[in-house]
Amino acid sequence: MKPQTDTPIPFRISLISMPWSIFNRPSLQLSVLKAYLEREMTAIQVELCHPYLELAGTLGFDTYRRISESGWAGEALFAALLFPSQRQQAAKVFNQSLRGKGLRRTTPDFQTLIPLIEASCHSWLDRINFEDVRLAGFSVCFNQLFSSLYAAALLKKRHPELPIILGGSSCASELGISLLQHFPQIDYVVDGEGEGPLLGLCTSLAGDHSPLPARLHSRIPGLTRPSPEITDLSLLPMPEYSGYFSEMRRLFPSQPFIPVLPLEFSRGCWWNKCTFCNLNIQWQGYRSKKATQVMAEVDSLVATHQCLDFTFSDNALPIREADTFFQQQSEHAADCRFFAEIRGITDFERLSAYSRGGLKTIQVGIEALSTSLLAKMAKGLSTIENIAVMKHSAAAGILLEGNLILEFPGSDENEVMETLAALDYVLPFAPLSPAVFFLGFGSPVYRNPARFGIGTFIPHSRNRFLPTELLTNLTMLTLDYRGGRRQQRRLWRPVADKIRSWRQFHDKRKSGQPPLSYRDGGSFLIIRQERLND
């Protein structure tokens, strides 16, 4: 007989991030949740699981990266495991997705990958002891839906009494409710920010029996209580990444890649007007941390994990606090490098200051090179401002990444012609990526379809790996529509061709000099410019 002890048995919870999360990054969402729960709740043990690391090791880093970057291809692989009767349709989506990105020849075929992925998932489940776990949670963000549903089904089959909760951007609003209605392996879904609802669920399951937070949807209806978002992000703890590094060292003792650590400066988007965007349906308002807090987080993470590469998760950095942060970073001894998404800043001095502070790659919402089309998108910028940020980023030594949206509903021939003309002027700068418009659930276009000439919503063609009942009834993050699609494809084909030539121009360059540069002779300038057909 064991001696009695006053030490309470900890409430054990496993939080899981499935493929196709980027393998050289820990999960920011789960790391913040772990730190928050362990601070706010006594006698809790939060374990983080990163099965995507194991799968990356199984497939090889290059193969994993290609699939994770293709989006639909990764979802198709897990859909085939989740819905075996749909394997043929899933294979078609897989092949079309890779072919569209020029990756088909360099990626193993569908039939080879399926058993490898299945074995990796079972191997992970065999290794983790879920016997005394009281709750299992999956973070479901981009390209993680069907991998999470598949793993949840396997886990529920092995442990039928284990409650399973899903949360993340792919579970917001009606999306999460629809998942709960159609997938019996799910018991709870968080709608929006996770800290408060997950804490409330844990305390309830641990014996508190208080009403569940209102933004937590349950398979069993019951009393709820309000669950407001955290209004002051300074109250959030630093992300806890030690579990990721432990797994990485176990799986890859030689550390064959350099990790990039996610940071969070803000939540939401301070602009939040773009008509095509549905990235913020899980947030209520914009909130940000102070620069001093983010600086302290960077210093601690550098010291703890010996990492110098960081990526901000923000949709848009808070400008004034970012000014302070990068100024302080420029005076810092550590050679930190940062990636961030920013609004179209046209101020060269500000971009130069950010570059000195370590901001080396940015993603800017260019989206269009037609001023009237930018107005339809509610971007709040003009074509010349977009060109300016491309120019000033290059001059400041910052790599700019961005998209050019093709086939935006309601766009016309004049906007296509303006785009083609503008492309001549941006040839020297890093090419934008073509992105065919997709209809995002909850976006302003989705909420006002008639304004954009959209007739009927239909399931996205890439979701045809779903069984018919789910294809018809499941609420998905990405949809398709009827209304001028054929005309839009015809209109934008010349733009797609010109972007392809733009990228080929840069791919074939051998000179280390920029395509456009000048030297100042005092009373004259020498301008060096490479042209497309030189």
Protein backbone atom coordinates (compact mmCIF):
# COMPACT_ATOMS: atom_id res chain seq x y z
CA MET A 1 0.00 0.00 0.00
CA LYS A 2 1.42 3.40 -1.07
CA PRO A 3 1.93 5.98 1.68
CA GLN A 4 -0.55 8.83 1.61
CA THR A 5 0.68 12.22 0.45
CA ASP A 6 -0.76 15.72 0.39
CA THR A 7 0.68 16.39 -3.06
CA PRO A 8 -2.24 16.65 -5.51
CA ILE A 9 -2.18 14.53 -8.64
CA PRO A 10 -1.57 16.95 -11.50
CA PHE A 11 -4.20 17.46 -14.17
CA ARG A 12 -2.36 16.22 -17.24
CA ILE A 13 -3.08 17.73 -20.66
CA SER A 14 -1.41 17.07 -24.02
CA LEU A 15 -1.37 19.86 -26.60
CA ILE A 16 -0.56 18.73 -30.14
CA SER A 17 0.57 20.46 -33.33
CA MET A 18 0.21 18.25 -36.38
CA PRO A 19 1.68 18.51 -39.89
CA TRP A 20 1.97 20.55 -41.93
CA SER A 21 3.40 23.01 -39.45
CA ILE A 22 6.79 24.38 -40.58
CA PHE A 23 9.27 21.85 -39.19
CA ASN A 24 11.99 24.28 -38.08
CA ARG A 25 9.57 26.30 -35.94
CA PRO A 26 7.95 25.40 -32.63
CA SER A 27 4.25 26.12 -32.22
CA LEU A 28 3.79 29.61 -30.81
CA GLN A 29 0.14 28.93 -30.01
CA LEU A 30 0.79 25.84 -27.92
CA SER A 31 3.88 27.29 -26.26
CA VAL A 32 1.97 30.33 -25.00
CA LEU A 33 -0.94 28.13 -23.87
CA LYS A 34 1.42 25.88 -21.90
CA ALA A 35 3.05 28.81 -20.13
CA TYR A 36 -0.33 30.43 -19.43
CA LEU A 37 -2.02 27.30 -18.05
CA GLU A 38 0.92 26.40 -15.83
CA ARG A 39 0.96 29.92 -14.42
CA GLU A 40 -2.78 30.22 -13.82
CA MET A 41 -3.68 26.72 -12.61
CA THR A 42 -2.10 24.80 -9.77
CA ALA A 43 -1.38 21.09 -10.14
CA ILE A 44 -1.41 20.99 -13.93
CA GLN A 45 1.07 19.29 -16.24
CA VAL A 46 1.02 20.49 -19.85
CA GLU A 47 2.94 18.42 -22.38
CA LEU A 48 3.52 19.66 -25.91
CA CYS A 49 3.70 17.21 -28.80
CA HIS A 50 5.13 18.02 -32.23
CA PRO A 51 4.38 15.04 -34.51
CA TYR A 52 5.34 17.16 -37.50
CA LEU A 53 8.98 16.86 -36.42
CA GLU A 54 8.78 13.08 -36.57
CA LEU A 55 7.12 13.16 -39.98
CA ALA A 56 9.73 15.59 -41.31
CA GLY A 57 12.40 13.11 -40.27
CA THR A 58 10.52 10.25 -41.93
CA LEU A 59 9.92 12.00 -45.25
CA GLY A 60 13.11 14.04 -45.35
CA PHE A 61 13.23 17.78 -44.83
CA ASP A 62 13.06 18.73 -48.51
CA THR A 63 10.03 16.55 -49.22
CA TYR A 64 8.27 17.74 -46.07
CA ARG A 65 8.97 21.38 -46.91
CA ARG A 66 7.65 21.04 -50.48
CA ILE A 67 4.43 19.44 -49.28
CA SER A 68 3.93 21.92 -46.44
CA GLU A 69 4.38 24.85 -48.82
CA SER A 70 1.89 23.44 -51.34
CA GLY A 71 -1.04 23.60 -48.92
CA TRP A 72 -3.67 21.45 -50.59
CA ALA A 73 -1.25 18.58 -51.24
CA GLY A 74 -0.66 18.05 -47.54
CA GLU A 75 -4.35 18.19 -46.71
CA ALA A 76 -5.07 15.66 -49.47
CA LEU A 77 -2.64 13.13 -47.98
CA PHE A 78 -4.34 13.13 -44.60
CA ALA A 79 -7.81 13.28 -46.17
CA ALA A 80 -6.98 9.98 -47.89
CA LEU A 81 -6.23 8.43 -44.50
CA LEU A 82 -9.29 9.96 -42.85
CA PHE A 83 -11.64 9.01 -45.71
CA PRO A 84 -10.24 5.84 -47.35
CA SER A 85 -13.08 5.74 -49.89
CA GLN A 86 -11.92 9.13 -51.20
CA ARG A 87 -8.31 8.13 -51.82
CA GLN A 88 -8.56 8.41 -55.61
CA GLN A 89 -9.97 11.95 -55.43
CA ALA A 90 -7.36 12.88 -52.83
CA ALA A 91 -4.59 11.66 -55.14
CA LYS A 92 -5.89 13.93 -57.92
CA VAL A 93 -5.89 16.96 -55.61
CA PHE A 94 -2.38 16.07 -54.42
CA ASN A 95 -0.99 15.83 -57.94
CA GLN A 96 -2.74 18.96 -59.19
CA SER A 97 -1.55 21.00 -56.23
CA LEU A 98 2.09 20.03 -56.68
CA ARG A 99 1.92 20.37 -60.46
CA GLY A 100 0.57 23.90 -60.10
CA LYS A 101 3.63 24.86 -58.09
CA GLY A 102 6.09 22.98 -60.29
CA LEU A 103 6.93 20.47 -57.52
CA ARG A 104 5.46 17.25 -58.89
CA ARG A 105 8.67 15.78 -60.32
CA THR A 106 10.72 16.42 -57.18
CA THR A 107 8.21 14.96 -54.69
CA PRO A 108 7.59 11.25 -53.98
CA ASP A 109 4.33 9.97 -55.42
CA PHE A 110 1.07 9.81 -53.49
CA GLN A 111 1.01 6.02 -53.05
CA THR A 112 4.55 6.05 -51.62
CA LEU A 113 3.80 8.80 -49.10
CA ILE A 114 0.53 7.45 -47.66
CA PRO A 115 1.99 4.41 -45.79
CA LEU A 116 4.94 6.49 -44.54
CA ILE A 117 2.60 9.10 -43.07
CA GLU A 118 0.30 6.48 -41.57
CA ALA A 119 3.21 4.65 -39.94
CA SER A 120 4.65 7.91 -38.57
CA CYS A 121 1.34 8.80 -36.90
CA HIS A 122 0.98 5.37 -35.30
CA SER A 123 4.62 5.46 -34.17
CA TRP A 124 4.02 8.78 -32.43
CA LEU A 125 0.87 7.48 -30.71
CA ASP A 126 2.69 4.32 -29.60
CA ARG A 127 5.43 6.40 -28.01
CA ILE A 128 3.22 8.78 -25.99
CA ASN A 129 1.49 7.50 -22.85
CA PHE A 130 -2.05 8.87 -22.92
CA GLU A 131 -3.34 6.62 -20.13
CA ASP A 132 -3.53 9.34 -17.48
CA VAL A 133 -4.04 12.30 -19.83
CA ARG A 134 -7.24 14.16 -18.92
CA LEU A 135 -7.52 16.30 -22.06
CA ALA A 136 -5.92 16.30 -25.53
CA GLY A 137 -5.91 19.47 -27.59
CA PHE A 138 -5.03 20.11 -31.24
CA SER A 139 -3.97 23.49 -32.62
CA VAL A 140 -5.56 23.73 -36.07
CA CYS A 141 -4.13 26.48 -38.24
CA PHE A 142 -3.29 26.57 -41.95
CA ASN A 143 -2.99 23.12 -43.54
CA GLN A 144 -3.51 21.28 -40.25
CA LEU A 145 -7.21 20.46 -40.40
CA PHE A 146 -7.25 16.94 -41.82
CA SER A 147 -4.06 15.85 -40.10
CA SER A 148 -5.61 16.92 -36.78
CA LEU A 149 -8.92 15.20 -37.52
CA TYR A 150 -7.09 12.01 -38.49
CA ALA A 151 -4.89 12.00 -35.38
CA ALA A 152 -7.90 12.82 -33.19
CA ALA A 153 -9.78 9.84 -34.68
CA LEU A 154 -6.84 7.50 -33.99
CA LEU A 155 -6.50 8.83 -30.46
CA LYS A 156 -10.23 8.51 -29.73
CA LYS A 157 -10.22 4.92 -31.01
CA ARG A 158 -7.42 4.03 -28.60
CA HIS A 159 -8.80 6.07 -25.69
CA PRO A 160 -12.58 6.49 -26.13
CA GLU A 161 -13.03 8.31 -22.81
CA LEU A 162 -10.34 10.93 -23.48
CA PRO A 163 -11.88 14.37 -24.17
CA ILE A 164 -10.48 16.01 -27.31
CA ILE A 165 -10.55 19.74 -28.04
CA LEU A 166 -9.68 21.64 -31.22
CA GLY A 167 -8.79 25.30 -31.52
CA GLY A 168 -7.04 27.72 -33.84
CA SER A 169 -7.79 29.87 -36.85
CA SER A 170 -9.47 27.01 -38.73
CA CYS A 171 -11.99 26.57 -35.90
CA ALA A 172 -13.33 30.12 -35.58
CA SER A 173 -17.01 31.00 -35.72
CA GLU A 174 -19.25 28.59 -37.66
CA LEU A 175 -16.19 26.63 -38.81
CA GLY A 176 -15.68 25.11 -35.36
CA ILE A 177 -19.37 24.47 -34.79
CA SER A 178 -19.53 22.63 -38.11
CA LEU A 179 -16.54 20.47 -37.18
CA LEU A 180 -18.18 19.55 -33.89
CA GLN A 181 -21.37 18.56 -35.70
CA HIS A 182 -19.70 16.31 -38.26
CA PHE A 183 -16.74 14.66 -36.51
CA PRO A 184 -17.55 12.52 -33.45
CA GLN A 185 -13.90 12.36 -32.35
CA ILE A 186 -14.17 16.01 -31.26
CA ASP A 187 -15.70 16.88 -27.88
CA TYR A 188 -14.92 20.61 -27.64
CA VAL A 189 -13.97 23.45 -29.97
CA VAL A 190 -12.53 26.84 -29.00
CA ASP A 191 -13.92 29.75 -30.99
CA GLY A 192 -11.21 32.41 -31.03
CA GLU A 193 -8.50 33.12 -28.49
CA GLY A 194 -7.59 30.02 -26.51
CA GLU A 195 -6.15 31.03 -23.14
CA GLY A 196 -9.36 31.78 -21.22
CA PRO A 197 -11.59 29.04 -22.68
CA LEU A 198 -8.94 26.33 -22.29
CA LEU A 199 -8.23 27.35 -18.70
CA GLY A 200 -11.97 27.25 -17.97
CA LEU A 201 -12.30 23.77 -19.47
CA CYS A 202 -9.30 22.44 -17.56
CA THR A 203 -10.58 23.72 -14.21
CA SER A 204 -14.02 22.28 -14.96
CA LEU A 205 -12.67 18.85 -15.90
CA ALA A 206 -10.36 18.90 -12.88
CA GLY A 207 -13.40 19.04 -10.60
CA ASP A 208 -14.41 22.69 -10.41
CA HIS A 209 -17.69 21.96 -12.31
CA SER A 210 -18.22 25.66 -13.06
CA PRO A 211 -20.03 26.67 -16.28
CA LEU A 212 -17.91 26.44 -19.41
CA PRO A 213 -16.61 29.61 -21.12
CA ALA A 214 -19.05 30.94 -23.73
CA ARG A 215 -16.52 30.70 -26.57
CA LEU A 216 -16.04 27.00 -25.93
CA HIS A 217 -18.43 24.85 -27.94
CA SER A 218 -19.23 21.47 -26.43
CA ARG A 219 -20.86 18.32 -27.75
CA ILE A 220 -22.85 18.29 -24.51
CA PRO A 221 -24.89 21.52 -24.09
CA GLY A 222 -24.75 23.19 -20.71
CA LEU A 223 -24.43 26.45 -18.81
CA THR A 224 -21.84 28.92 -20.07
CA ARG A 225 -20.15 32.01 -18.73
CA PRO A 226 -18.53 34.97 -20.57
CA SER A 227 -15.00 34.41 -21.86
CA PRO A 228 -13.60 37.77 -22.99
CA GLU A 229 -10.28 38.02 -24.79
CA ILE A 230 -7.14 39.11 -23.00
CA THR A 231 -7.19 42.87 -23.49
CA ASP A 232 -3.67 43.49 -22.18
CA LEU A 233 -1.10 41.30 -23.93
CA SER A 234 1.51 42.26 -21.34
CA LEU A 235 -0.29 39.76 -19.09
CA LEU A 236 0.73 36.89 -21.37
CA PRO A 237 3.74 34.82 -20.34
CA MET A 238 6.71 34.15 -22.56
CA PRO A 239 6.27 31.15 -24.88
CA GLU A 240 7.67 27.90 -23.50
CA TYR A 241 9.70 26.25 -26.27
CA SER A 242 11.69 23.71 -24.24
CA GLY A 243 9.47 20.79 -25.31
CA TYR A 244 10.16 21.45 -28.99
CA PHE A 245 13.91 21.53 -28.43
CA SER A 246 13.77 18.31 -26.39
CA GLU A 247 11.97 16.55 -29.24
CA MET A 248 14.32 18.03 -31.80
CA ARG A 249 17.40 16.80 -29.93
CA ARG A 250 15.88 13.33 -29.52
CA LEU A 251 14.95 12.99 -33.19
CA PHE A 252 17.90 14.86 -34.70
CA PRO A 253 20.95 14.71 -32.39
CA SER A 254 23.15 16.36 -35.01
CA GLN A 255 20.68 19.29 -35.37
CA PRO A 256 20.58 19.38 -39.19
CA PHE A 257 18.62 22.65 -39.31
CA ILE A 258 18.60 25.99 -37.51
CA PRO A 259 15.32 26.65 -35.67
CA VAL A 260 13.38 29.87 -36.20
CA LEU A 261 11.46 31.01 -33.12
CA PRO A 262 8.03 32.64 -33.46
CA LEU A 263 7.31 35.88 -31.60
CA GLU A 264 4.03 37.67 -30.99
CA PHE A 265 3.99 41.48 -30.96
CA SER A 266 0.24 41.85 -31.49
CA ARG A 267 -3.05 40.07 -32.15
CA GLY A 268 -5.53 41.06 -34.80
CA CYS A 269 -4.91 43.68 -37.48
CA TRP A 270 -4.92 47.42 -36.88
CA TRP A 271 -6.09 47.99 -40.48
CA ASN A 272 -8.62 45.13 -40.72
CA LYS A 273 -10.44 46.48 -43.79
CA CYS A 274 -9.19 44.36 -46.70
CA THR A 275 -12.22 42.94 -48.48
CA PHE A 276 -10.64 39.57 -49.32
CA CYS A 277 -9.18 38.85 -45.88
CA ASN A 278 -10.51 36.38 -43.32
CA LEU A 279 -7.37 36.09 -41.19
CA ASN A 280 -8.91 37.86 -38.23
CA ILE A 281 -12.28 36.20 -37.75
CA GLN A 282 -10.95 34.62 -34.54
CA TRP A 283 -9.89 37.97 -33.02
CA GLN A 284 -11.96 40.78 -31.51
CA GLY A 285 -10.02 44.01 -31.98
CA TYR A 286 -6.32 44.79 -32.19
CA ARG A 287 -3.96 44.58 -29.22
CA SER A 288 -0.20 44.83 -28.96
CA LYS A 289 2.66 44.47 -26.51
CA LYS A 290 5.16 47.14 -25.60
CA ALA A 291 8.55 47.06 -27.29
CA THR A 292 10.29 46.54 -23.93
CA GLN A 293 8.34 43.33 -23.33
CA VAL A 294 9.18 41.91 -26.76
CA MET A 295 12.83 42.90 -26.27
CA ALA A 296 12.88 41.00 -22.98
CA GLU A 297 11.37 37.94 -24.67
CA VAL A 298 13.99 38.03 -27.43
CA ASP A 299 16.83 38.36 -24.91
CA SER A 300 15.53 35.45 -22.86
CA LEU A 301 14.97 33.18 -25.88
CA VAL A 302 18.44 33.95 -27.24
CA ALA A 303 20.02 33.08 -23.90
CA THR A 304 17.91 29.96 -23.32
CA HIS A 305 17.98 28.36 -26.76
CA GLN A 306 21.02 29.94 -28.47
CA CYS A 307 18.81 31.00 -31.39
CA LEU A 308 19.18 34.20 -33.40
CA ASP A 309 16.42 33.78 -35.99
CA PHE A 310 12.87 34.94 -35.27
CA THR A 311 9.58 35.33 -37.10
CA PHE A 312 6.73 37.55 -35.96
CA SER A 313 3.29 35.95 -36.13
CA ASP A 314 1.54 39.32 -36.44
CA ASN A 315 -0.71 40.25 -39.34
CA ALA A 316 0.72 43.77 -39.07
CA LEU A 317 3.36 45.06 -36.66
CA PRO A 318 2.35 48.00 -34.44
CA ILE A 319 4.31 50.79 -36.10
CA ARG A 320 5.30 52.98 -33.14
CA GLU A 321 6.28 50.09 -30.90
CA ALA A 322 8.12 48.47 -33.82
CA ASP A 323 10.07 51.73 -34.28
CA THR A 324 11.27 51.47 -30.68
CA PHE A 325 11.95 47.74 -30.87
CA PHE A 326 14.15 47.83 -33.96
CA GLN A 327 15.98 50.92 -32.72
CA GLN A 328 16.85 49.05 -29.52
CA GLN A 329 17.78 45.94 -31.50
CA SER A 330 20.21 47.96 -33.62
CA GLU A 331 22.12 48.75 -30.42
CA HIS A 332 22.07 45.12 -29.31
CA ALA A 333 25.15 42.90 -29.37
CA ALA A 334 23.35 39.77 -30.61
CA ASP A 335 23.06 39.46 -34.40
CA CYS A 336 19.34 38.65 -34.46
CA ARG A 337 17.43 38.34 -37.74
CA PHE A 338 13.68 38.88 -38.03
CA PHE A 339 10.82 38.22 -40.43
CA ALA A 340 7.63 40.26 -40.13
CA GLU A 341 4.44 41.14 -41.97
CA ILE A 342 3.99 44.89 -42.25
CA ARG A 343 1.68 47.35 -43.93
CA GLY A 344 2.97 49.15 -47.03
CA ILE A 345 5.41 51.51 -45.31
CA THR A 346 6.80 53.92 -47.92
CA ASP A 347 9.21 55.66 -45.55
CA PHE A 348 12.77 54.72 -46.57
CA GLU A 349 14.25 56.00 -43.31
CA ARG A 350 11.95 53.79 -41.25
CA LEU A 351 12.71 50.72 -43.37
CA SER A 352 16.42 51.43 -43.10
CA ALA A 353 16.13 51.67 -39.31
CA TYR A 354 14.25 48.38 -39.22
CA SER A 355 16.96 46.78 -41.36
CA ARG A 356 19.67 47.98 -38.98
CA GLY A 357 17.64 46.39 -36.19
CA GLY A 358 17.72 43.00 -37.89
CA LEU A 359 14.55 42.99 -40.01
CA LYS A 360 15.83 41.21 -43.11
CA THR A 361 12.66 39.79 -44.71
CA ILE A 362 9.19 41.28 -44.81
CA GLN A 363 5.87 40.23 -46.21
CA VAL A 364 3.86 43.18 -47.46
CA GLY A 365 0.26 43.04 -48.59
CA ILE A 366 0.91 44.41 -52.08
CA GLU A 367 -2.00 42.41 -53.56
CA ALA A 368 -2.54 44.69 -56.60
CA LEU A 369 -0.75 47.16 -58.88
CA SER A 370 -3.89 48.97 -59.96
CA THR A 371 -5.13 51.86 -57.84
CA SER A 372 -8.80 51.26 -58.63
CA LEU A 373 -8.42 47.56 -57.85
CA LEU A 374 -6.68 48.42 -54.59
CA ALA A 375 -9.72 50.54 -53.75
CA LYS A 376 -12.03 47.58 -54.39
CA MET A 377 -9.85 45.59 -52.02
CA ALA A 378 -9.98 48.44 -49.45
CA LYS A 379 -6.20 48.34 -49.11
CA GLY A 380 -5.91 52.05 -48.37
CA LEU A 381 -2.89 52.35 -50.67
CA SER A 382 -2.18 53.34 -54.27
CA THR A 383 -0.10 51.69 -56.96
CA ILE A 384 2.71 54.21 -56.58
CA GLU A 385 2.82 53.57 -52.83
CA ASN A 386 3.13 49.83 -53.45
CA ILE A 387 5.95 50.42 -55.92
CA ALA A 388 7.62 52.73 -53.41
CA VAL A 389 7.69 50.11 -50.66
CA MET A 390 9.19 47.61 -53.12
CA LYS A 391 11.86 50.13 -54.09
CA HIS A 392 12.66 51.31 -50.57
CA SER A 393 12.81 47.77 -49.19
CA ALA A 394 15.36 46.81 -51.82
CA ALA A 395 17.37 49.96 -51.11
CA ALA A 396 17.29 49.22 -47.38
CA GLY A 397 18.58 45.68 -47.90
CA ILE A 398 15.30 44.01 -46.94
CA LEU A 399 13.88 41.15 -49.00
CA LEU A 400 10.23 41.85 -49.74
CA GLU A 401 7.82 38.97 -50.25
CA GLY A 402 4.28 39.55 -51.41
CA ASN A 403 1.42 38.38 -53.55
CA LEU A 404 -0.38 39.76 -56.57
CA ILE A 405 -4.01 38.65 -56.46
CA LEU A 406 -5.33 37.51 -59.83
CA GLU A 407 -8.98 37.11 -60.84
CA PHE A 408 -10.37 39.30 -58.07
CA PRO A 409 -14.18 39.29 -58.51
CA GLY A 410 -15.40 42.43 -60.22
CA SER A 411 -11.98 43.41 -61.60
CA ASP A 412 -12.05 44.73 -65.16
CA GLU A 413 -9.92 45.08 -68.27
CA ASN A 414 -8.68 48.57 -67.35
CA GLU A 415 -7.32 47.25 -64.06
CA VAL A 416 -5.56 44.43 -65.86
CA MET A 417 -3.99 46.90 -68.30
CA GLU A 418 -2.86 49.14 -65.43
CA THR A 419 -1.32 46.10 -63.74
CA LEU A 420 0.55 45.08 -66.89
CA ALA A 421 1.96 48.60 -67.25
CA ALA A 422 3.04 48.73 -63.60
CA LEU A 423 4.85 45.40 -63.91
CA ASP A 424 7.32 47.06 -66.30
CA TYR A 425 8.42 49.39 -63.50
CA VAL A 426 8.90 46.75 -60.81
CA LEU A 427 11.10 44.42 -62.89
CA PRO A 428 14.26 45.23 -60.85
CA PHE A 429 12.63 44.27 -57.56
CA ALA A 430 12.02 40.83 -56.04
CA PRO A 431 9.15 39.16 -57.93
CA LEU A 432 5.73 38.92 -56.34
CA SER A 433 3.93 35.58 -56.28
CA PRO A 434 0.73 35.18 -58.30
CA ALA A 435 -2.21 34.23 -56.07
CA VAL A 436 -5.52 33.39 -57.68
CA PHE A 437 -8.31 34.87 -55.57
CA PHE A 438 -10.04 32.45 -53.23
CA LEU A 439 -13.25 33.16 -51.38
CA GLY A 440 -12.50 33.13 -47.66
CA PHE A 441 -15.25 32.35 -45.19
CA GLY A 442 -16.11 35.42 -43.11
CA SER A 443 -14.30 37.93 -45.35
CA PRO A 444 -16.08 41.14 -46.47
CA VAL A 445 -16.42 39.64 -49.97
CA TYR A 446 -18.10 36.60 -48.41
CA ARG A 447 -20.46 38.81 -46.40
CA ASN A 448 -21.33 41.06 -49.40
CA PRO A 449 -21.16 38.79 -52.47
CA ALA A 450 -23.52 40.79 -54.70
CA ARG A 451 -21.29 43.86 -54.40
CA PHE A 452 -18.52 41.90 -56.12
CA GLY A 453 -20.67 40.20 -58.76
CA ILE A 454 -20.70 36.85 -56.98
CA GLY A 455 -23.77 34.73 -57.58
CA THR A 456 -23.69 31.41 -55.73
CA PHE A 457 -21.27 29.93 -53.21
CA ILE A 458 -20.05 26.43 -54.04
CA PRO A 459 -17.50 24.09 -52.41
CA HIS A 460 -13.91 24.71 -53.45
CA SER A 461 -12.85 22.29 -56.18
CA ARG A 462 -9.83 21.15 -54.15
CA ASN A 463 -12.14 19.96 -51.37
CA ARG A 464 -13.51 17.20 -53.59
CA PHE A 465 -11.55 14.68 -51.51
CA LEU A 466 -14.38 15.05 -48.96
CA PRO A 467 -17.27 12.56 -48.96
CA THR A 468 -20.36 14.00 -50.65
CA GLU A 469 -22.25 14.65 -47.41
CA LEU A 470 -19.36 16.61 -45.92
CA LEU A 471 -18.62 18.44 -49.17
CA THR A 472 -22.19 19.71 -49.13
CA ASN A 473 -22.67 20.42 -45.42
CA LEU A 474 -19.29 21.10 -43.79
CA THR A 475 -18.45 24.78 -43.36
CA MET A 476 -14.94 25.28 -44.75
CA LEU A 477 -12.47 28.14 -44.53
CA THR A 478 -12.07 28.29 -48.33
CA LEU A 479 -14.94 28.30 -50.83
CA ASP A 480 -15.53 28.85 -54.52
CA TYR A 481 -18.28 30.72 -56.31
CA ARG A 482 -20.16 31.22 -59.56
CA GLY A 483 -20.15 34.60 -61.26
CA GLY A 484 -17.71 35.72 -63.96
CA ARG A 485 -15.00 33.15 -63.20
CA ARG A 486 -14.30 32.28 -66.84
CA GLN A 487 -14.02 35.94 -67.81
CA GLN A 488 -11.65 36.63 -64.91
CA ARG A 489 -9.37 33.77 -65.92
CA ARG A 490 -9.23 35.11 -69.48
CA LEU A 491 -8.57 38.70 -68.35
CA TRP A 492 -5.73 37.84 -65.97
CA ARG A 493 -3.86 35.29 -68.08
CA PRO A 494 -1.47 37.94 -69.54
CA VAL A 495 -0.62 39.09 -66.00
CA ALA A 496 0.19 35.53 -64.93
CA ASP A 497 2.44 35.17 -67.99
CA LYS A 498 4.22 38.44 -67.24
CA ILE A 499 4.83 37.48 -63.61
CA ARG A 500 6.33 34.21 -64.84
CA SER A 501 8.72 36.14 -67.10
CA TRP A 502 9.58 38.44 -64.19
CA ARG A 503 10.54 35.49 -62.01
CA GLN A 504 12.53 33.86 -64.82
CA PHE A 505 14.45 37.11 -65.28
CA HIS A 506 15.58 37.03 -61.66
CA ASP A 507 16.22 33.28 -61.62
CA LYS A 508 18.58 33.55 -64.62
CA ARG A 509 20.56 36.53 -63.33
CA LYS A 510 24.19 35.81 -62.52
CA SER A 511 25.34 39.26 -61.44
CA GLY A 512 25.65 39.97 -57.73
CA GLN A 513 24.62 43.57 -58.35
CA PRO A 514 20.98 44.64 -58.15
CA PRO A 515 19.23 44.97 -61.55
CA LEU A 516 18.82 48.71 -60.97
CA SER A 517 21.46 50.82 -59.23
CA TYR A 518 23.22 54.16 -59.48
CA ARG A 519 26.52 55.80 -58.59
CA ASP A 520 26.68 59.45 -57.61
CA GLY A 521 29.40 61.48 -59.30
CA GLY A 522 28.50 64.75 -57.59
CA SER A 523 27.41 66.59 -60.72
CA PHE A 524 26.14 63.48 -62.53
CA LEU A 525 24.70 60.00 -61.94
CA ILE A 526 25.65 56.73 -63.59
CA ILE A 527 22.57 54.53 -63.70
CA ARG A 528 22.93 50.81 -64.33
CA GLN A 529 19.78 48.98 -65.36
CA GLU A 530 19.21 45.45 -66.64
CA ARG A 531 16.25 44.88 -68.94
CA LEU A 532 14.11 41.85 -69.55
CA ASN A 533 15.54 40.87 -72.94
CA ASP A 534 19.13 42.04 -72.49
